[in-house]
């Protein structure tokens, strides 16, 4: 059982290394292939990144990422989003609070400026 788990960890490490090497190779090829058009370089870059992502999903790390994204989507659907009126009300409240705090800080700064000038 432990040997099987160790073998799986080694396979995951190989998939992860291949994925990283593929991603780095596609990024390096984008800058290295100066003779090709920009469109061709972008297609090579995107193709390499897609292949690297597919390789990553062959490992348990990739499967955990997929599982996490699915769970995140489910949780996102559970969120109760505020309606437009609530959003506008809260935005205006924050704007007013920022203005009030800004005026207060300006007054404190003016007081300290006056105090320092009075001392000098």
PDB file of N, CA and C in Angstrom:
ATOM      1  N   UNK A   1       0.818  -1.186   0.000  1.00  0.00           N
ATOM      2  CA  UNK A   1       0.000   0.000   0.000  1.00  0.00           C
ATOM      3  C   UNK A   1       0.868   1.259   0.000  1.00  0.00           C
ATOM      4  N   UNK A   2       1.892   1.287   0.853  1.00  0.00           N
ATOM      5  CA  UNK A   2       2.775   2.446   0.925  1.00  0.00           C
ATOM      6  C   UNK A   2       3.563   2.601  -0.371  1.00  0.00           C
ATOM      7  N   UNK A   3       3.937   1.466  -0.966  1.00  0.00           N
ATOM      8  CA  UNK A   3       4.688   1.514  -2.214  1.00  0.00           C
ATOM      9  C   UNK A   3       3.823   2.089  -3.332  1.00  0.00           C
ATOM     10  N   UNK A   4       2.545   1.733  -3.354  1.00  0.00           N
ATOM     11  CA  UNK A   4       1.621   2.238  -4.357  1.00  0.00           C
ATOM     12  C   UNK A   4       1.434   3.746  -4.194  1.00  0.00           C
ATOM     13  N   UNK A   5       1.325   4.207  -2.953  1.00  0.00           N
ATOM     14  CA  UNK A   5       1.179   5.633  -2.677  1.00  0.00           C
ATOM     15  C   UNK A   5       2.439   6.391  -3.075  1.00  0.00           C
ATOM     16  N   UNK A   6       3.590   5.804  -2.794  1.00  0.00           N
ATOM     17  CA  UNK A   6       4.858   6.429  -3.160  1.00  0.00           C
ATOM     18  C   UNK A   6       4.989   6.523  -4.678  1.00  0.00           C
ATOM     19  N   UNK A   7       4.563   5.480  -5.383  1.00  0.00           N
ATOM     20  CA  UNK A   7       4.599   5.468  -6.839  1.00  0.00           C
ATOM     21  C   UNK A   7       3.682   6.559  -7.395  1.00  0.00           C
ATOM     22  N   UNK A   8       2.497   6.722  -6.788  1.00  0.00           N
ATOM     23  CA  UNK A   8       1.550   7.746  -7.233  1.00  0.00           C
ATOM     24  C   UNK A   8       2.136   9.138  -7.018  1.00  0.00           C
ATOM     25  N   UNK A   9       2.808   9.348  -5.886  1.00  0.00           N
ATOM     26  CA  UNK A   9       3.444  10.642  -5.621  1.00  0.00           C
ATOM     27  C   UNK A   9       4.540  10.939  -6.635  1.00  0.00           C
ATOM     28  N   UNK A  10       5.301   9.912  -7.016  1.00  0.00           N
ATOM     29  CA  UNK A  10       6.341  10.103  -8.027  1.00  0.00           C
ATOM     30  C   UNK A  10       5.721  10.449  -9.375  1.00  0.00           C
ATOM     31  N   UNK A  11       4.632   9.769  -9.725  1.00  0.00           N
ATOM     32  CA  UNK A  11       3.953  10.074 -10.984  1.00  0.00           C
ATOM     33  C   UNK A  11       3.412  11.502 -10.975  1.00  0.00           C
ATOM     34  N   UNK A  12       2.832  11.910  -9.848  1.00  0.00           N
ATOM     35  CA  UNK A  12       2.328  13.276  -9.746  1.00  0.00           C
ATOM     36  C   UNK A  12       3.452  14.288  -9.891  1.00  0.00           C
ATOM     37  N   UNK A  13       4.594  13.996  -9.301  1.00  0.00           N
ATOM     38  CA  UNK A  13       5.740  14.893  -9.410  1.00  0.00           C
ATOM     39  C   UNK A  13       6.204  14.993 -10.860  1.00  0.00           C
ATOM     40  N   UNK A  14       6.212  13.868 -11.565  1.00  0.00           N
ATOM     41  CA  UNK A  14       6.613  13.871 -12.974  1.00  0.00           C
ATOM     42  C   UNK A  14       5.637  14.700 -13.799  1.00  0.00           C
ATOM     43  N   UNK A  15       4.330  14.509 -13.582  1.00  0.00           N
ATOM     44  CA  UNK A  15       3.328  15.285 -14.320  1.00  0.00           C
ATOM     45  C   UNK A  15       3.485  16.782 -14.024  1.00  0.00           C
ATOM     46  N   UNK A  16       3.723  17.108 -12.766  1.00  0.00           N
ATOM     47  CA  UNK A  16       3.876  18.507 -12.379  1.00  0.00           C
ATOM     48  C   UNK A  16       5.117  19.118 -13.021  1.00  0.00           C
ATOM     49  N   UNK A  17       6.223  18.401 -13.008  1.00  0.00           N
ATOM     50  CA  UNK A  17       7.457  18.898 -13.622  1.00  0.00           C
ATOM     51  C   UNK A  17       7.277  19.066 -15.126  1.00  0.00           C
ATOM     52  N   UNK A  18       6.648  18.087 -15.772  1.00  0.00           N
ATOM     53  CA  UNK A  18       6.393  18.203 -17.212  1.00  0.00           C
ATOM     54  C   UNK A  18       5.523  19.413 -17.521  1.00  0.00           C
ATOM     55  N   UNK A  19       4.529  19.648 -16.700  1.00  0.00           N
ATOM     56  CA  UNK A  19       3.642  20.786 -16.906  1.00  0.00           C
ATOM     57  C   UNK A  19       4.393  22.105 -16.766  1.00  0.00           C
ATOM     58  N   UNK A  20       5.216  22.206 -15.744  1.00  0.00           N
ATOM     59  CA  UNK A  20       5.981  23.440 -15.526  1.00  0.00           C
ATOM     60  C   UNK A  20       6.992  23.655 -16.643  1.00  0.00           C
ATOM     61  N   UNK A  21       7.682  22.597 -17.029  1.00  0.00           N
ATOM     62  CA  UNK A  21       8.661  22.704 -18.118  1.00  0.00           C
ATOM     63  C   UNK A  21       7.965  23.103 -19.419  1.00  0.00           C
ATOM     64  N   UNK A  22       6.803  22.521 -19.693  1.00  0.00           N
ATOM     65  CA  UNK A  22       6.059  22.878 -20.898  1.00  0.00           C
ATOM     66  C   UNK A  22       5.618  24.328 -20.896  1.00  0.00           C
ATOM     67  N   UNK A  23       5.151  24.812 -19.754  1.00  0.00           N
ATOM     68  CA  UNK A  23       4.728  26.210 -19.663  1.00  0.00           C
ATOM     69  C   UNK A  23       5.915  27.146 -19.855  1.00  0.00           C
ATOM     70  N   UNK A  24       7.026  26.827 -19.212  1.00  0.00           N
ATOM     71  CA  UNK A  24       8.221  27.663 -19.360  1.00  0.00           C
ATOM     72  C   UNK A  24       8.724  27.625 -20.795  1.00  0.00           C
ATOM     73  N   UNK A  25       8.707  26.450 -21.412  1.00  0.00           N
ATOM     74  CA  UNK A  25       9.170  26.327 -22.801  1.00  0.00           C
ATOM     75  C   UNK A  25       8.292  27.138 -23.745  1.00  0.00           C
ATOM     76  N   UNK A  26       6.980  27.137 -23.517  1.00  0.00           N
ATOM     77  CA  UNK A  26       6.113  27.906 -24.408  1.00  0.00           C
ATOM     78  C   UNK A  26       6.320  29.405 -24.217  1.00  0.00           C
ATOM     79  N   UNK A  27       6.579  29.836 -22.991  1.00  0.00           N
ATOM     80  CA  UNK A  27       6.843  31.260 -22.754  1.00  0.00           C
ATOM     81  C   UNK A  27       8.183  31.665 -23.364  1.00  0.00           C
ATOM     82  N   UNK A  28       9.205  30.829 -23.192  1.00  0.00           N
ATOM     83  CA  UNK A  28      10.517  31.127 -23.770  1.00  0.00           C
ATOM     84  C   UNK A  28      10.437  31.139 -25.292  1.00  0.00           C
ATOM     85  N   UNK A  29       9.674  30.212 -25.866  1.00  0.00           N
ATOM     86  CA  UNK A  29       9.566  30.167 -27.327  1.00  0.00           C
ATOM     87  C   UNK A  29       8.900  31.420 -27.873  1.00  0.00           C
ATOM     88  N   UNK A  30       8.013  32.031 -27.098  1.00  0.00           N
ATOM     89  CA  UNK A  30       7.368  33.265 -27.546  1.00  0.00           C
ATOM     90  C   UNK A  30       8.411  34.357 -27.783  1.00  0.00           C
ATOM     91  N   UNK A  31       9.384  34.457 -26.897  1.00  0.00           N
ATOM     92  CA  UNK A  31      10.405  35.493 -27.029  1.00  0.00           C
ATOM     93  C   UNK A  31      11.567  35.065 -27.916  1.00  0.00           C
ATOM     94  N   UNK A  32      11.772  33.783 -28.066  1.00  0.00           N
ATOM     95  CA  UNK A  32      12.915  33.288 -28.812  1.00  0.00           C
ATOM     96  C   UNK A  32      12.661  33.259 -30.318  1.00  0.00           C
ATOM     97  N   UNK A  33      11.427  33.058 -30.723  1.00  0.00           N
ATOM     98  CA  UNK A  33      11.101  32.932 -32.145  1.00  0.00           C
ATOM     99  C   UNK A  33      10.817  34.310 -32.744  1.00  0.00           C
ATOM    100  N   UNK A  34      11.854  35.076 -32.979  1.00  0.00           N
ATOM    101  CA  UNK A  34      11.697  36.426 -33.514  1.00  0.00           C
ATOM    102  C   UNK A  34      11.314  36.429 -34.990  1.00  0.00           C
ATOM    103  N   UNK A  35      11.654  35.381 -35.724  1.00  0.00           N
ATOM    104  CA  UNK A  35      11.407  35.344 -37.164  1.00  0.00           C
ATOM    105  C   UNK A  35       9.935  35.136 -37.495  1.00  0.00           C
ATOM    106  N   UNK A  36       9.152  34.637 -36.557  1.00  0.00           N
ATOM    107  CA  UNK A  36       7.745  34.346 -36.808  1.00  0.00           C
ATOM    108  C   UNK A  36       6.889  35.573 -36.514  1.00  0.00           C
ATOM    109  N   UNK A  37       5.690  35.584 -37.110  1.00  0.00           N
ATOM    110  CA  UNK A  37       4.776  36.695 -36.862  1.00  0.00           C
ATOM    111  C   UNK A  37       4.251  36.627 -35.428  1.00  0.00           C
ATOM    112  N   UNK A  38       3.727  37.738 -34.975  1.00  0.00           N
ATOM    113  CA  UNK A  38       3.203  37.796 -33.608  1.00  0.00           C
ATOM    114  C   UNK A  38       2.039  36.835 -33.435  1.00  0.00           C
ATOM    115  N   UNK A  39       1.201  36.722 -34.447  1.00  0.00           N
ATOM    116  CA  UNK A  39       0.063  35.806 -34.375  1.00  0.00           C
ATOM    117  C   UNK A  39       0.537  34.366 -34.188  1.00  0.00           C
ATOM    118  N   UNK A  40       1.551  33.973 -34.933  1.00  0.00           N
ATOM    119  CA  UNK A  40       2.075  32.613 -34.821  1.00  0.00           C
ATOM    120  C   UNK A  40       2.688  32.386 -33.440  1.00  0.00           C
ATOM    121  N   UNK A  41       3.419  33.395 -32.932  1.00  0.00           N
ATOM    122  CA  UNK A  41       4.024  33.259 -31.608  1.00  0.00           C
ATOM    123  C   UNK A  41       2.956  33.142 -30.524  1.00  0.00           C
ATOM    124  N   UNK A  42       1.886  33.914 -30.650  1.00  0.00           N
ATOM    125  CA  UNK A  42       0.800  33.844 -29.664  1.00  0.00           C
ATOM    126  C   UNK A  42       0.114  32.487 -29.731  1.00  0.00           C
ATOM    127  N   UNK A  43      -0.079  31.967 -30.945  1.00  0.00           N
ATOM    128  CA  UNK A  43      -0.713  30.650 -31.081  1.00  0.00           C
ATOM    129  C   UNK A  43       0.164  29.559 -30.465  1.00  0.00           C
ATOM    130  N   UNK A  44       1.470  29.645 -30.675  1.00  0.00           N
ATOM    131  CA  UNK A  44       2.394  28.675 -30.073  1.00  0.00           C
ATOM    132  C   UNK A  44       2.353  28.796 -28.555  1.00  0.00           C
ATOM    133  N   UNK A  45       2.350  30.021 -28.048  1.00  0.00           N
ATOM    134  CA  UNK A  45       2.293  30.246 -26.602  1.00  0.00           C
ATOM    135  C   UNK A  45       1.011  29.669 -26.012  1.00  0.00           C
ATOM    136  N   UNK A  46      -0.129  30.002 -26.606  1.00  0.00           N
ATOM    137  CA  UNK A  46      -1.402  29.498 -26.086  1.00  0.00           C
ATOM    138  C   UNK A  46      -1.493  27.981 -26.200  1.00  0.00           C
ATOM    139  N   UNK A  47      -1.017  27.437 -27.313  1.00  0.00           N
ATOM    140  CA  UNK A  47      -1.025  25.985 -27.474  1.00  0.00           C
ATOM    141  C   UNK A  47      -0.178  25.296 -26.420  1.00  0.00           C
ATOM    142  N   UNK A  48       1.005  25.843 -26.167  1.00  0.00           N
ATOM    143  CA  UNK A  48       1.875  25.268 -25.140  1.00  0.00           C
ATOM    144  C   UNK A  48       1.269  25.356 -23.752  1.00  0.00           C
ATOM    145  N   UNK A  49       0.617  26.482 -23.453  1.00  0.00           N
ATOM    146  CA  UNK A  49      -0.014  26.629 -22.144  1.00  0.00           C
ATOM    147  C   UNK A  49      -1.212  25.699 -21.988  1.00  0.00           C
ATOM    148  N   UNK A  50      -1.965  25.503 -23.075  1.00  0.00           N
ATOM    149  CA  UNK A  50      -3.099  24.572 -23.015  1.00  0.00           C
ATOM    150  C   UNK A  50      -2.603  23.147 -22.787  1.00  0.00           C
ATOM    151  N   UNK A  51      -1.563  22.755 -23.512  1.00  0.00           N
ATOM    152  CA  UNK A  51      -1.007  21.408 -23.333  1.00  0.00           C
ATOM    153  C   UNK A  51      -0.442  21.247 -21.920  1.00  0.00           C
ATOM    154  N   UNK A  52       0.240  22.275 -21.415  1.00  0.00           N
ATOM    155  CA  UNK A  52       0.781  22.209 -20.050  1.00  0.00           C
ATOM    156  C   UNK A  52      -0.338  22.086 -19.024  1.00  0.00           C
ATOM    157  N   UNK A  53      -1.433  22.799 -19.247  1.00  0.00           N
ATOM    158  CA  UNK A  53      -2.577  22.707 -18.337  1.00  0.00           C
ATOM    159  C   UNK A  53      -3.195  21.322 -18.384  1.00  0.00           C
ATOM    160  N   UNK A  54      -3.299  20.756 -19.578  1.00  0.00           N
ATOM    161  CA  UNK A  54      -3.852  19.402 -19.695  1.00  0.00           C
ATOM    162  C   UNK A  54      -2.944  18.389 -18.998  1.00  0.00           C
ATOM    163  N   UNK A  55      -1.643  18.573 -19.118  1.00  0.00           N
ATOM    164  CA  UNK A  55      -0.703  17.684 -18.427  1.00  0.00           C
ATOM    165  C   UNK A  55      -0.855  17.843 -16.915  1.00  0.00           C
ATOM    166  N   UNK A  56      -1.019  19.085 -16.453  1.00  0.00           N
ATOM    167  CA  UNK A  56      -1.193  19.332 -15.017  1.00  0.00           C
ATOM    168  C   UNK A  56      -2.426  18.615 -14.480  1.00  0.00           C
ATOM    169  N   UNK A  57      -3.497  18.584 -15.264  1.00  0.00           N
ATOM    170  CA  UNK A  57      -4.732  17.949 -14.807  1.00  0.00           C
ATOM    171  C   UNK A  57      -4.625  16.428 -14.741  1.00  0.00           C
ATOM    172  N   UNK A  58      -3.522  15.852 -15.215  1.00  0.00           N
ATOM    173  CA  UNK A  58      -3.316  14.411 -15.096  1.00  0.00           C
ATOM    174  C   UNK A  58      -2.821  14.030 -13.704  1.00  0.00           C
ATOM    175  N   UNK A  59      -2.375  15.022 -12.934  1.00  0.00           N
ATOM    176  CA  UNK A  59      -1.856  14.739 -11.593  1.00  0.00           C
ATOM    177  C   UNK A  59      -2.944  14.962 -10.556  1.00  0.00           C
ATOM    178  N   UNK A  60      -2.666  14.540  -9.346  1.00  0.00           N
ATOM    179  CA  UNK A  60      -3.636  14.757  -8.267  1.00  0.00           C
ATOM    180  C   UNK A  60      -3.736  16.238  -7.932  1.00  0.00           C
ATOM    181  N   UNK A  61      -2.665  17.010  -8.181  1.00  0.00           N
ATOM    182  CA  UNK A  61      -2.713  18.450  -7.962  1.00  0.00           C
ATOM    183  C   UNK A  61      -3.758  19.082  -8.880  1.00  0.00           C
ATOM    184  N   UNK A  62      -3.731  18.702 -10.135  1.00  0.00           N
ATOM    185  CA  UNK A  62      -4.699  19.229 -11.088  1.00  0.00           C
ATOM    186  C   UNK A  62      -6.116  18.830 -10.751  1.00  0.00           C
ATOM    187  N   UNK A  63      -6.297  17.590 -10.306  1.00  0.00           N
ATOM    188  CA  UNK A  63      -7.636  17.142  -9.923  1.00  0.00           C
ATOM    189  C   UNK A  63      -8.134  17.911  -8.705  1.00  0.00           C
ATOM    190  N   UNK A  64      -7.231  18.246  -7.791  1.00  0.00           N
ATOM    191  CA  UNK A  64      -7.631  19.059  -6.635  1.00  0.00           C
ATOM    192  C   UNK A  64      -8.012  20.470  -7.070  1.00  0.00           C
ATOM    193  N   UNK A  65      -7.315  21.010  -8.061  1.00  0.00           N
ATOM    194  CA  UNK A  65      -7.657  22.335  -8.576  1.00  0.00           C
ATOM    195  C   UNK A  65      -9.048  22.313  -9.189  1.00  0.00           C
ATOM    196  N   UNK A  66      -9.335  21.292  -9.988  1.00  0.00           N
ATOM    197  CA  UNK A  66     -10.656  21.170 -10.609  1.00  0.00           C
ATOM    198  C   UNK A  66     -11.730  21.047  -9.538  1.00  0.00           C
ATOM    199  N   UNK A  67     -11.479  20.238  -8.531  1.00  0.00           N
ATOM    200  CA  UNK A  67     -12.434  20.073  -7.439  1.00  0.00           C
ATOM    201  C   UNK A  67     -12.651  21.396  -6.708  1.00  0.00           C
ATOM    202  N   UNK A  68     -11.582  22.128  -6.461  1.00  0.00           N
ATOM    203  CA  UNK A  68     -11.691  23.416  -5.783  1.00  0.00           C
ATOM    204  C   UNK A  68     -12.519  24.403  -6.600  1.00  0.00           C
ATOM    205  N   UNK A  69     -12.293  24.447  -7.912  1.00  0.00           N
ATOM    206  CA  UNK A  69     -13.039  25.366  -8.772  1.00  0.00           C
ATOM    207  C   UNK A  69     -14.521  25.003  -8.779  1.00  0.00           C
ATOM    208  N   UNK A  70     -14.839  23.715  -8.825  1.00  0.00           N
ATOM    209  CA  UNK A  70     -16.242  23.288  -8.789  1.00  0.00           C
ATOM    210  C   UNK A  70     -16.901  23.685  -7.474  1.00  0.00           C
ATOM    211  N   UNK A  71     -16.204  23.461  -6.362  1.00  0.00           N
ATOM    212  CA  UNK A  71     -16.755  23.829  -5.061  1.00  0.00           C
ATOM    213  C   UNK A  71     -16.914  25.342  -4.943  1.00  0.00           C
ATOM    214  N   UNK A  72     -15.979  26.088  -5.506  1.00  0.00           N
ATOM    215  CA  UNK A  72     -16.071  27.546  -5.482  1.00  0.00           C
ATOM    216  C   UNK A  72     -17.284  28.022  -6.261  1.00  0.00           C
ATOM    217  N   UNK A  73     -17.527  27.405  -7.398  1.00  0.00           N
ATOM    218  CA  UNK A  73     -18.695  27.775  -8.208  1.00  0.00           C
ATOM    219  C   UNK A  73     -19.984  27.490  -7.449  1.00  0.00           C
ATOM    220  N   UNK A  74     -20.057  26.363  -6.762  1.00  0.00           N
ATOM    221  CA  UNK A  74     -21.247  26.020  -5.977  1.00  0.00           C
ATOM    222  C   UNK A  74     -21.454  27.056  -4.871  1.00  0.00           C
ATOM    223  N   UNK A  75     -20.382  27.425  -4.175  1.00  0.00           N
ATOM    224  CA  UNK A  75     -20.493  28.421  -3.106  1.00  0.00           C
ATOM    225  C   UNK A  75     -20.877  29.788  -3.659  1.00  0.00           C
ATOM    226  N   UNK A  76     -20.385  30.114  -4.844  1.00  0.00           N
ATOM    227  CA  UNK A  76     -20.718  31.388  -5.469  1.00  0.00           C
ATOM    228  C   UNK A  76     -22.203  31.472  -5.779  1.00  0.00           C
ATOM    229  N   UNK A  77     -22.801  30.348  -6.161  1.00  0.00           N
ATOM    230  CA  UNK A  77     -24.234  30.333  -6.443  1.00  0.00           C
ATOM    231  C   UNK A  77     -25.064  30.458  -5.169  1.00  0.00           C
ATOM    232  N   UNK A  78     -24.494  30.110  -4.021  1.00  0.00           N
ATOM    233  CA  UNK A  78     -25.210  30.203  -2.747  1.00  0.00           C
ATOM    234  C   UNK A  78     -25.240  31.627  -2.184  1.00  0.00           C
ATOM    235  N   UNK A  79     -24.356  32.491  -2.679  1.00  0.00           N
ATOM    236  CA  UNK A  79     -24.247  33.843  -2.139  1.00  0.00           C
ATOM    237  C   UNK A  79     -25.493  34.649  -2.492  1.00  0.00           C
ATOM    238  N   UNK A  80     -25.989  35.396  -1.510  1.00  0.00           N
ATOM    239  CA  UNK A  80     -27.113  36.299  -1.755  1.00  0.00           C
ATOM    240  C   UNK A  80     -26.519  37.665  -2.081  1.00  0.00           C
ATOM    241  N   UNK A  81     -26.626  38.052  -3.340  1.00  0.00           N
ATOM    242  CA  UNK A  81     -26.042  39.300  -3.788  1.00  0.00           C
ATOM    243  C   UNK A  81     -27.012  40.446  -3.512  1.00  0.00           C
ATOM    244  N   UNK A  82     -26.503  41.632  -3.156  1.00  0.00           N
ATOM    245  CA  UNK A  82     -27.399  42.768  -2.910  1.00  0.00           C
ATOM    246  C   UNK A  82     -28.023  43.257  -4.212  1.00  0.00           C
ATOM    247  N   UNK A  83     -29.244  43.800  -4.063  1.00  0.00           N
ATOM    248  CA  UNK A  83     -29.883  44.336  -5.263  1.00  0.00           C
ATOM    249  C   UNK A  83     -29.320  45.726  -5.558  1.00  0.00           C
ATOM    250  N   UNK A  84     -29.781  46.322  -6.642  1.00  0.00           N
ATOM    251  CA  UNK A  84     -29.225  47.592  -7.103  1.00  0.00           C
ATOM    252  C   UNK A  84     -29.420  48.707  -6.073  1.00  0.00           C
ATOM    253  N   UNK A  85     -30.592  48.761  -5.456  1.00  0.00           N
ATOM    254  CA  UNK A  85     -30.871  49.822  -4.479  1.00  0.00           C
ATOM    255  C   UNK A  85     -29.926  49.723  -3.277  1.00  0.00           C
ATOM    256  N   UNK A  86     -29.709  48.515  -2.778  1.00  0.00           N
ATOM    257  CA  UNK A  86     -28.782  48.328  -1.654  1.00  0.00           C
ATOM    258  C   UNK A  86     -27.363  48.730  -2.038  1.00  0.00           C
ATOM    259  N   UNK A  87     -26.962  48.374  -3.241  1.00  0.00           N
ATOM    260  CA  UNK A  87     -25.612  48.692  -3.699  1.00  0.00           C
ATOM    261  C   UNK A  87     -25.414  50.199  -3.782  1.00  0.00           C
ATOM    262  N   UNK A  88     -26.397  50.904  -4.350  1.00  0.00           N
ATOM    263  CA  UNK A  88     -26.299  52.363  -4.464  1.00  0.00           C
ATOM    264  C   UNK A  88     -26.283  53.001  -3.076  1.00  0.00           C
ATOM    265  N   UNK A  89     -27.144  52.521  -2.181  1.00  0.00           N
ATOM    266  CA  UNK A  89     -27.206  53.071  -0.822  1.00  0.00           C
ATOM    267  C   UNK A  89     -25.867  52.904  -0.098  1.00  0.00           C
ATOM    268  N   UNK A  90     -25.287  51.717  -0.174  1.00  0.00           N
ATOM    269  CA  UNK A  90     -24.007  51.476   0.496  1.00  0.00           C
ATOM    270  C   UNK A  90     -22.876  52.281  -0.149  1.00  0.00           C
ATOM    271  N   UNK A  91     -22.904  52.418  -1.466  1.00  0.00           N
ATOM    272  CA  UNK A  91     -21.881  53.200  -2.158  1.00  0.00           C
ATOM    273  C   UNK A  91     -21.941  54.657  -1.725  1.00  0.00           C
ATOM    274  N   UNK A  92     -23.150  55.217  -1.666  1.00  0.00           N
ATOM    275  CA  UNK A  92     -23.299  56.605  -1.229  1.00  0.00           C
ATOM    276  C   UNK A  92     -22.878  56.773   0.228  1.00  0.00           C
ATOM    277  N   UNK A  93     -23.182  55.787   1.068  1.00  0.00           N
ATOM    278  CA  UNK A  93     -22.763  55.841   2.469  1.00  0.00           C
ATOM    279  C   UNK A  93     -21.246  55.884   2.574  1.00  0.00           C
ATOM    280  N   UNK A  94     -20.581  55.072   1.791  1.00  0.00           N
ATOM    281  CA  UNK A  94     -19.114  55.043   1.815  1.00  0.00           C
ATOM    282  C   UNK A  94     -18.538  56.351   1.290  1.00  0.00           C
ATOM    283  N   UNK A  95     -19.134  56.904   0.228  1.00  0.00           N
ATOM    284  CA  UNK A  95     -18.648  58.175  -0.319  1.00  0.00           C
ATOM    285  C   UNK A  95     -18.778  59.282   0.718  1.00  0.00           C
ATOM    286  N   UNK A  96     -19.928  59.345   1.401  1.00  0.00           N
ATOM    287  CA  UNK A  96     -20.132  60.364   2.438  1.00  0.00           C
ATOM    288  C   UNK A  96     -19.136  60.173   3.581  1.00  0.00           C
ATOM    289  N   UNK A  97     -18.918  58.924   3.999  1.00  0.00           N
ATOM    290  CA  UNK A  97     -17.968  58.659   5.083  1.00  0.00           C
ATOM    291  C   UNK A  97     -16.556  59.084   4.687  1.00  0.00           C
ATOM    292  N   UNK A  98     -16.169  58.815   3.454  1.00  0.00           N
ATOM    293  CA  UNK A  98     -14.831  59.202   2.992  1.00  0.00           C
ATOM    294  C   UNK A  98     -14.698  60.718   2.969  1.00  0.00           C
ATOM    295  N   UNK A  99     -15.739  61.415   2.528  1.00  0.00           N
ATOM    296  CA  UNK A  99     -15.694  62.882   2.496  1.00  0.00           C
ATOM    297  C   UNK A  99     -15.576  63.440   3.915  1.00  0.00           C
ATOM    298  N   UNK A 100     -16.375  62.912   4.843  1.00  0.00           N
ATOM    299  CA  UNK A 100     -16.330  63.389   6.234  1.00  0.00           C
ATOM    300  C   UNK A 100     -14.955  63.134   6.854  1.00  0.00           C
ATOM    301  N   UNK A 101     -14.419  61.939   6.663  1.00  0.00           N
ATOM    302  CA  UNK A 101     -13.090  61.626   7.205  1.00  0.00           C
ATOM    303  C   UNK A 101     -12.022  62.498   6.550  1.00  0.00           C
ATOM    304  N   UNK A 102     -12.161  62.750   5.248  1.00  0.00           N
ATOM    305  CA  UNK A 102     -11.206  63.619   4.555  1.00  0.00           C
ATOM    306  C   UNK A 102     -11.220  65.033   5.112  1.00  0.00           C
ATOM    307  N   UNK A 103     -12.419  65.570   5.353  1.00  0.00           N
ATOM    308  CA  UNK A 103     -12.524  66.915   5.933  1.00  0.00           C
ATOM    309  C   UNK A 103     -11.923  66.933   7.340  1.00  0.00           C
ATOM    310  N   UNK A 104     -12.218  65.897   8.132  1.00  0.00           N
ATOM    311  CA  UNK A 104     -11.664  65.818   9.485  1.00  0.00           C
ATOM    312  C   UNK A 104     -10.136  65.796   9.450  1.00  0.00           C
ATOM    313  N   UNK A 105      -9.572  64.976   8.582  1.00  0.00           N
ATOM    314  CA  UNK A 105      -8.107  64.900   8.488  1.00  0.00           C
ATOM    315  C   UNK A 105      -7.512  66.219   7.998  1.00  0.00           C
ATOM    316  N   UNK A 106      -8.213  66.896   7.093  1.00  0.00           N
ATOM    317  CA  UNK A 106      -7.754  68.196   6.617  1.00  0.00           C
ATOM    318  C   UNK A 106      -7.733  69.202   7.764  1.00  0.00           C
ATOM    319  N   UNK A 107      -8.782  69.189   8.607  1.00  0.00           N
ATOM    320  CA  UNK A 107      -8.834  70.094   9.754  1.00  0.00           C
ATOM    321  C   UNK A 107      -7.727  69.777  10.762  1.00  0.00           C
ATOM    322  N   UNK A 108      -7.490  68.489  11.026  1.00  0.00           N
ATOM    323  CA  UNK A 108      -6.411  68.105  11.940  1.00  0.00           C
ATOM    324  C   UNK A 108      -5.066  68.560  11.380  1.00  0.00           C
ATOM    325  N   UNK A 109      -4.855  68.370  10.077  1.00  0.00           N
ATOM    326  CA  UNK A 109      -3.613  68.798   9.441  1.00  0.00           C
ATOM    327  C   UNK A 109      -3.461  70.312   9.529  1.00  0.00           C
ATOM    328  N   UNK A 110      -4.544  71.044   9.286  1.00  0.00           N
ATOM    329  CA  UNK A 110      -4.494  72.505   9.377  1.00  0.00           C
ATOM    330  C   UNK A 110      -4.180  72.947  10.804  1.00  0.00           C
ATOM    331  N   UNK A 111      -4.753  72.264  11.785  1.00  0.00           N
ATOM    332  CA  UNK A 111      -4.463  72.598  13.187  1.00  0.00           C
ATOM    333  C   UNK A 111      -2.987  72.374  13.503  1.00  0.00           C
ATOM    334  N   UNK A 112      -2.447  71.224  13.103  1.00  0.00           N
ATOM    335  CA  UNK A 112      -1.038  70.950  13.372  1.00  0.00           C
ATOM    336  C   UNK A 112      -0.134  71.933  12.627  1.00  0.00           C
ATOM    337  N   UNK A 113      -0.507  72.320  11.421  1.00  0.00           N
ATOM    338  CA  UNK A 113       0.267  73.313  10.680  1.00  0.00           C
ATOM    339  C   UNK A 113       0.267  74.637  11.431  1.00  0.00           C
ATOM    340  N   UNK A 114      -0.899  75.047  11.902  1.00  0.00           N
ATOM    341  CA  UNK A 114      -1.011  76.284  12.674  1.00  0.00           C
ATOM    342  C   UNK A 114      -0.184  76.195  13.956  1.00  0.00           C
ATOM    343  N   UNK A 115      -0.243  75.027  14.646  1.00  0.00           N
ATOM    344  CA  UNK A 115       0.488  74.861  15.903  1.00  0.00           C
ATOM    345  C   UNK A 115       1.998  74.908  15.672  1.00  0.00           C
ATOM    346  N   UNK A 116       2.474  74.264  14.625  1.00  0.00           N
ATOM    347  CA  UNK A 116       3.913  74.257  14.332  1.00  0.00           C
ATOM    348  C   UNK A 116       4.374  75.656  13.941  1.00  0.00           C
ATOM    349  N   UNK A 117       3.573  76.364  13.145  1.00  0.00           N
ATOM    350  CA  UNK A 117       3.945  77.723  12.752  1.00  0.00           C
ATOM    351  C   UNK A 117       3.943  78.662  13.955  1.00  0.00           C
ATOM    352  N   UNK A 118       3.030  78.417  14.895  1.00  0.00           N
ATOM    353  CA  UNK A 118       2.980  79.259  16.094  1.00  0.00           C
ATOM    354  C   UNK A 118       4.210  79.021  16.970  1.00  0.00           C
ATOM    355  N   UNK A 119       4.696  77.776  16.996  1.00  0.00           N
ATOM    356  CA  UNK A 119       5.874  77.470  17.800  1.00  0.00           C
ATOM    357  C   UNK A 119       7.155  78.014  17.178  1.00  0.00           C
ATOM    358  N   UNK A 120       7.186  78.070  15.857  1.00  0.00           N
ATOM    359  CA  UNK A 120       8.402  78.542  15.195  1.00  0.00           C
ATOM    360  C   UNK A 120       8.334  80.030  15.115  1.00  0.00           C
TER     361      UNK A 120
END
